[in-house]
């Protein structure tokens, strides 16, 4: 019985010893093999590996994935116009050199993030301080992100870190200047609106003046044509009257008298005081038609 127990104990010890010499590296991690406290091997490929049992060799794992640093509070940064902006950003980074990263930060990701946040803050200040609000907000926003990425990447490389991407998520005015900026924007928009109204009123007056001038020209031409046509008609009528007068003097006098009667008695309320023996009534007297 004692012999069987000894055999089982030996098998169990051998199993534990064998397990302590094996380790698995997954696709999301780096593995650093320490031999008596010094890094002897760096493993980045996933798979099953072997080592000496502790305390001769130990294993430390580091995250291989792309990580994110998000600013808890928006950074307050001043532009070249001395305007304060609140800028919220985030950074994508990963461990590129596991051995160098461990030596620098002792494998502490939090310490690495704090270091990178300080570098990002410095790079953000360097890029924003030399630009105006308009350039930061819209015109050169992509250039600023590129500058920050290159700046931080060059400073993070000696730390064993690769900066994948930098983004400015939100840019706002500081609360104490927001109201004054909005008032200034409102005044500028009001000024532009008044200028547009003035231009519209001037154009309106110009169009009306041109329309009135065109109307006067059209009426003048129409009146001239009407007078010309009327003159031609009067000339033709005079010619006809002259021809009729030449053919029959009595008929002409009779016709003209009828026209005079028609004009004189057109209104019933008119009163006409004329000597009955005058020539005006010569055709209204009894005429012997024999």
Protein backbone atom coordinates (compact mmCIF):
# COMPACT_ATOMS: atom_id res chain seq x y z
CA UNK A 1 0.00 0.00 0.00
CA UNK A 2 2.81 2.35 0.88
CA UNK A 3 4.51 1.51 -2.39
CA UNK A 4 1.39 2.40 -4.40
CA UNK A 5 1.07 5.70 -2.57
CA UNK A 6 4.71 6.47 -3.32
CA UNK A 7 4.21 5.73 -7.00
CA UNK A 8 1.11 7.94 -7.19
CA UNK A 9 2.89 10.75 -5.38
CA UNK A 10 5.80 10.49 -7.77
CA UNK A 11 3.49 10.55 -10.80
CA UNK A 12 1.67 13.55 -9.43
CA UNK A 13 4.93 15.37 -8.77
CA UNK A 14 6.14 14.57 -12.27
CA UNK A 15 2.82 15.86 -13.69
CA UNK A 16 3.07 19.10 -11.73
CA UNK A 17 6.69 19.49 -12.81
CA UNK A 18 5.74 18.87 -16.45
CA UNK A 19 2.89 21.42 -16.26
CA UNK A 20 5.23 24.00 -14.78
CA UNK A 21 7.49 23.68 -17.81
CA UNK A 22 4.68 24.34 -20.34
CA UNK A 23 2.80 27.53 -21.12
CA UNK A 24 0.45 28.78 -23.84
CA UNK A 25 0.70 32.11 -25.63
CA UNK A 26 -2.58 33.22 -27.26
CA UNK A 27 -2.98 35.53 -30.24
CA UNK A 28 -3.85 38.52 -28.00
CA UNK A 29 -0.67 38.48 -25.89
CA UNK A 30 3.09 38.75 -25.83
CA UNK A 31 5.10 36.51 -23.48
CA UNK A 32 8.37 37.43 -21.77
CA UNK A 33 10.44 34.60 -20.31
CA UNK A 34 12.51 35.63 -17.26
CA UNK A 35 15.54 33.60 -16.23
CA UNK A 36 16.49 34.42 -12.65
CA UNK A 37 14.97 37.91 -12.98
CA UNK A 38 16.39 38.75 -16.41
CA UNK A 39 14.50 38.70 -19.73
CA UNK A 40 15.87 35.80 -21.70
CA UNK A 41 13.24 35.34 -24.36
CA UNK A 42 10.46 37.32 -26.08
CA UNK A 43 7.54 35.44 -27.68
CA UNK A 44 5.00 37.12 -29.97
CA UNK A 45 3.61 34.12 -31.91
CA UNK A 46 0.73 32.12 -30.42
CA UNK A 47 1.32 28.46 -29.49
CA UNK A 48 2.54 26.00 -26.85
CA UNK A 49 6.00 26.66 -25.38
CA UNK A 50 8.31 25.14 -22.79
CA UNK A 51 10.48 26.64 -20.05
CA UNK A 52 12.34 25.66 -16.94
CA UNK A 53 10.23 25.33 -13.82
CA UNK A 54 10.05 28.19 -11.34
CA UNK A 55 12.04 29.76 -9.83
CA UNK A 56 14.53 29.20 -12.66
CA UNK A 57 12.23 30.73 -15.26
CA UNK A 58 9.03 32.82 -14.95
CA UNK A 59 6.55 34.18 -17.50
CA UNK A 60 5.02 37.67 -17.86
CA UNK A 61 2.24 38.35 -20.36
CA UNK A 62 1.59 41.72 -22.06
CA UNK A 63 -1.44 42.79 -24.08
CA UNK A 64 -0.85 42.66 -27.83
CA UNK A 65 -4.10 44.36 -28.87
CA UNK A 66 -4.69 47.99 -29.87
CA UNK A 67 -5.61 49.95 -26.74
CA UNK A 68 -7.41 53.26 -26.28
CA UNK A 69 -6.60 56.30 -24.18
CA UNK A 70 -9.60 58.58 -23.70
CA UNK A 71 -9.28 61.88 -21.90
CA UNK A 72 -11.52 61.96 -18.83
CA UNK A 73 -11.76 65.75 -18.92
CA UNK A 74 -11.42 67.98 -21.98
CA UNK A 75 -8.04 69.68 -22.24
CA UNK A 76 -8.16 73.47 -21.94
CA UNK A 77 -5.79 74.91 -24.57
CA UNK A 78 -5.19 78.48 -25.76
CA UNK A 79 -5.05 79.46 -29.45
CA UNK A 80 -2.83 82.10 -31.06
CA UNK A 81 -5.70 84.58 -30.54
CA UNK A 82 -5.59 83.94 -26.78
CA UNK A 83 -8.94 82.14 -26.93
CA UNK A 84 -9.44 79.16 -24.63
CA UNK A 85 -10.72 75.97 -26.23
CA UNK A 86 -11.88 72.75 -24.57
CA UNK A 87 -10.59 69.85 -26.67
CA UNK A 88 -11.61 66.24 -26.13
CA UNK A 89 -9.41 63.63 -27.82
CA UNK A 90 -8.60 59.93 -27.87
CA UNK A 91 -5.55 57.91 -28.91
CA UNK A 92 -5.14 54.39 -30.23
CA UNK A 93 -1.88 52.70 -29.24
CA UNK A 94 -0.29 49.28 -28.80
CA UNK A 95 2.84 47.68 -27.41
CA UNK A 96 5.31 47.38 -30.28
CA UNK A 97 8.42 46.28 -28.34
CA UNK A 98 7.43 44.13 -25.35
CA UNK A 99 10.93 43.93 -23.85
CA UNK A 100 11.50 47.70 -24.03
CA UNK A 101 7.98 48.38 -22.76
CA UNK A 102 8.51 46.13 -19.74
CA UNK A 103 11.88 47.69 -18.95
CA UNK A 104 10.38 51.20 -19.16
CA UNK A 105 7.10 50.67 -17.30
CA UNK A 106 7.64 47.27 -15.60
CA UNK A 107 4.66 45.99 -17.57
CA UNK A 108 2.27 48.54 -16.01
CA UNK A 109 -0.19 49.71 -18.68
CA UNK A 110 -1.61 52.43 -16.43
CA UNK A 111 1.81 54.02 -16.04
CA UNK A 112 2.25 53.89 -19.82
CA UNK A 113 -1.12 55.58 -20.38
CA UNK A 114 -0.27 58.37 -17.94
CA UNK A 115 3.04 58.95 -19.71
CA UNK A 116 1.38 59.00 -23.12
CA UNK A 117 -1.36 61.36 -21.92
CA UNK A 118 1.29 63.87 -20.84
CA UNK A 119 2.99 63.61 -24.23
CA UNK A 120 -0.35 64.03 -26.03
CA UNK A 121 -1.11 67.11 -23.93
CA UNK A 122 2.24 68.66 -24.85
CA UNK A 123 1.80 67.87 -28.56
CA UNK A 124 -1.75 69.25 -28.52
CA UNK A 125 -0.55 72.51 -26.96
CA UNK A 126 2.28 72.80 -29.49
CA UNK A 127 -0.11 72.41 -32.43
CA UNK A 128 -3.01 74.54 -31.18
CA UNK A 129 -1.04 77.45 -29.67
CA UNK A 130 0.17 78.58 -33.12
CA UNK A 131 -3.25 78.47 -34.81
CA UNK A 132 -6.44 80.52 -34.77
CA UNK A 133 -9.82 79.23 -33.63
CA UNK A 134 -11.04 78.89 -37.22
CA UNK A 135 -7.98 76.87 -38.21
CA UNK A 136 -8.33 74.55 -35.21
CA UNK A 137 -12.07 73.99 -35.60
CA UNK A 138 -12.34 73.46 -39.34
CA UNK A 139 -9.59 74.57 -41.74
CA UNK A 140 -6.57 72.64 -40.36
CA UNK A 141 -8.17 70.09 -38.07
CA UNK A 142 -6.81 67.08 -39.97
CA UNK A 143 -3.33 68.68 -40.13
CA UNK A 144 -3.37 69.13 -36.35
CA UNK A 145 -4.22 65.46 -35.79
CA UNK A 146 -1.40 64.43 -38.14
CA UNK A 147 1.07 66.69 -36.32
CA UNK A 148 0.06 65.29 -32.93
CA UNK A 149 0.32 61.71 -34.24
CA UNK A 150 3.83 62.26 -35.62
CA UNK A 151 4.95 64.16 -32.53
CA UNK A 152 3.72 61.59 -30.02
CA UNK A 153 4.80 58.64 -32.18
CA UNK A 154 8.42 59.84 -32.30
CA UNK A 155 8.46 60.32 -28.49
CA UNK A 156 6.67 57.02 -27.76
CA UNK A 157 8.90 54.81 -29.92
CA UNK A 158 11.78 54.74 -27.38
CA UNK A 159 9.24 53.54 -24.82
CA UNK A 160 8.34 50.46 -26.86
CA UNK A 161 4.95 51.92 -27.83
CA UNK A 162 3.42 52.48 -31.28
CA UNK A 163 0.82 55.26 -31.72
CA UNK A 164 -1.77 54.00 -34.20
CA UNK A 165 -4.10 56.99 -34.42
CA UNK A 166 -4.99 60.32 -32.80
CA UNK A 167 -8.41 61.96 -33.08
CA UNK A 168 -9.87 65.24 -31.86
CA UNK A 169 -13.36 64.18 -30.90
CA UNK A 170 -14.86 67.49 -29.76
CA UNK A 171 -13.71 71.12 -29.81
CA UNK A 172 -15.67 73.75 -27.91
CA UNK A 173 -15.17 77.25 -26.58
CA UNK A 174 -14.49 77.61 -22.90
CA UNK A 175 -17.73 78.48 -21.02
CA UNK A 176 -16.65 82.01 -20.08
CA UNK A 177 -16.13 83.08 -23.70
CA UNK A 178 -18.96 81.16 -25.35
CA UNK A 179 -21.53 83.90 -24.73
CA UNK A 180 -19.29 86.68 -26.05
CA UNK A 181 -18.46 84.62 -29.13
CA UNK A 182 -22.12 83.91 -29.79
CA UNK A 183 -22.96 87.61 -29.39
CA UNK A 184 -20.22 88.54 -31.83
CA UNK A 185 -21.42 85.91 -34.31
CA UNK A 186 -24.97 87.23 -33.96
CA UNK A 187 -23.79 90.80 -34.58
CA UNK A 188 -21.84 89.70 -37.66
CA UNK A 189 -24.83 87.79 -39.05
CA UNK A 190 -27.09 90.79 -38.37
CA UNK A 191 -24.64 93.06 -40.19
CA UNK A 192 -24.57 90.73 -43.18
CA UNK A 193 -28.38 90.49 -43.18
CA UNK A 194 -28.71 94.30 -43.14
CA UNK A 195 -26.22 94.61 -45.99
CA UNK A 196 -28.17 92.07 -48.02
CA UNK A 197 -31.42 93.94 -47.30
CA UNK A 198 -29.82 97.22 -48.41
CA UNK A 199 -28.55 95.63 -51.61
CA UNK A 200 -31.99 94.14 -52.23
CA UNK A 201 -33.71 97.50 -51.68
CA UNK A 202 -31.27 99.23 -54.06
CA UNK A 203 -31.82 96.57 -56.70
CA UNK A 204 -35.58 96.89 -56.22
CA UNK A 205 -35.46 100.67 -56.75
CA UNK A 206 -33.26 100.19 -59.79
CA UNK A 207 -35.69 97.68 -61.31
CA UNK A 208 -38.66 99.99 -60.61
CA UNK A 209 -36.86 102.96 -62.17
CA UNK A 210 -36.00 100.93 -65.27
CA UNK A 211 -39.60 99.70 -65.49
CA UNK A 212 -40.97 103.27 -65.18
CA UNK A 213 -38.54 104.53 -67.81
CA UNK A 214 -39.49 101.68 -70.16
CA UNK A 215 -43.17 102.46 -69.54
CA UNK A 216 -42.68 106.15 -70.36
CA UNK A 217 -40.76 105.27 -73.52
CA UNK A 218 -43.45 102.82 -74.65
CA UNK A 219 -46.24 105.35 -73.94
CA UNK A 220 -44.34 108.11 -75.73
CA UNK A 221 -43.82 105.92 -78.80
CA UNK A 222 -47.46 104.83 -78.72
CA UNK A 223 -48.69 108.45 -78.41
CA UNK A 224 -46.40 109.51 -81.24
CA UNK A 225 -47.71 106.72 -83.43
CA UNK A 226 -51.30 107.58 -82.45
CA UNK A 227 -50.75 111.26 -83.28
CA UNK A 228 -49.15 110.31 -86.58
CA UNK A 229 -52.07 108.02 -87.47
CA UNK A 230 -54.56 110.67 -86.33
CA UNK A 231 -52.79 113.29 -88.44
CA UNK A 232 -52.89 111.00 -91.45
CA UNK A 233 -56.61 110.42 -90.82
CA UNK A 234 -57.27 114.14 -90.46
CA UNK A 235 -55.39 114.82 -93.67
CA UNK A 236 -57.41 112.21 -95.52
CA UNK A 237 -60.64 113.55 -94.00
CA UNK A 238 -59.69 117.11 -94.98
CA UNK A 239 -58.96 115.92 -98.48
CA UNK A 240 -62.34 114.24 -98.64
CA UNK A 241 -64.04 117.34 -97.24
CA UNK A 242 -62.22 119.52 -99.75
CA UNK A 243 -63.21 117.22 -102.57
CA UNK A 244 -66.84 117.26 -101.43
CA UNK A 245 -66.78 121.06 -101.08
CA UNK A 246 -65.47 121.35 -104.58
CA UNK A 247 -68.21 119.16 -106.02
CA UNK A 248 -71.22 120.51 -104.10
CA UNK A 249 -70.83 123.62 -101.99
CA UNK A 250 -74.35 123.46 -100.54
CA UNK A 251 -74.02 119.81 -99.44
CA UNK A 252 -70.72 120.58 -97.69
CA UNK A 253 -72.27 123.47 -95.78
CA UNK A 254 -75.24 121.28 -94.87
CA UNK A 255 -73.00 118.44 -93.60
CA UNK A 256 -70.83 120.73 -91.49
CA UNK A 257 -73.96 122.32 -90.02
CA UNK A 258 -75.26 118.88 -89.03
CA UNK A 259 -71.97 118.18 -87.23
CA UNK A 260 -72.26 121.48 -85.40
CA UNK A 261 -75.85 120.69 -84.37
CA UNK A 262 -74.74 117.25 -83.12
CA UNK A 263 -71.98 118.68 -80.95
CA UNK A 264 -74.14 121.55 -79.66
CA UNK A 265 -77.14 119.44 -78.65
CA UNK A 266 -75.28 116.36 -77.31
CA UNK A 267 -76.31 117.10 -73.68
CA UNK A 268 -79.95 117.73 -72.74
CA UNK A 269 -78.93 119.93 -69.82
CA UNK A 270 -77.01 122.39 -71.99
CA UNK A 271 -78.49 125.81 -72.63
CA UNK A 272 -77.78 127.60 -75.94
CA UNK A 273 -78.51 131.31 -76.39
CA UNK A 274 -78.42 132.16 -80.12
CA UNK A 275 -80.26 134.64 -82.32
CA UNK A 276 -82.89 132.59 -84.24
CA UNK A 277 -82.20 134.61 -87.35
CA UNK A 278 -78.52 133.74 -87.35
CA UNK A 279 -76.93 131.55 -89.98
CA UNK A 280 -76.57 128.76 -87.36
CA UNK A 281 -80.26 127.85 -87.85
CA UNK A 282 -80.41 128.38 -91.60
CA UNK A 283 -80.89 124.67 -92.28
CA UNK A 284 -83.45 124.29 -89.47
CA UNK A 285 -85.81 126.80 -91.09
CA UNK A 286 -88.41 125.68 -93.56
CA UNK A 287 -86.76 124.93 -96.81
CA UNK A 288 -88.57 124.78 -100.06
CA UNK A 289 -87.56 121.52 -101.61
CA UNK A 290 -89.33 122.16 -104.90
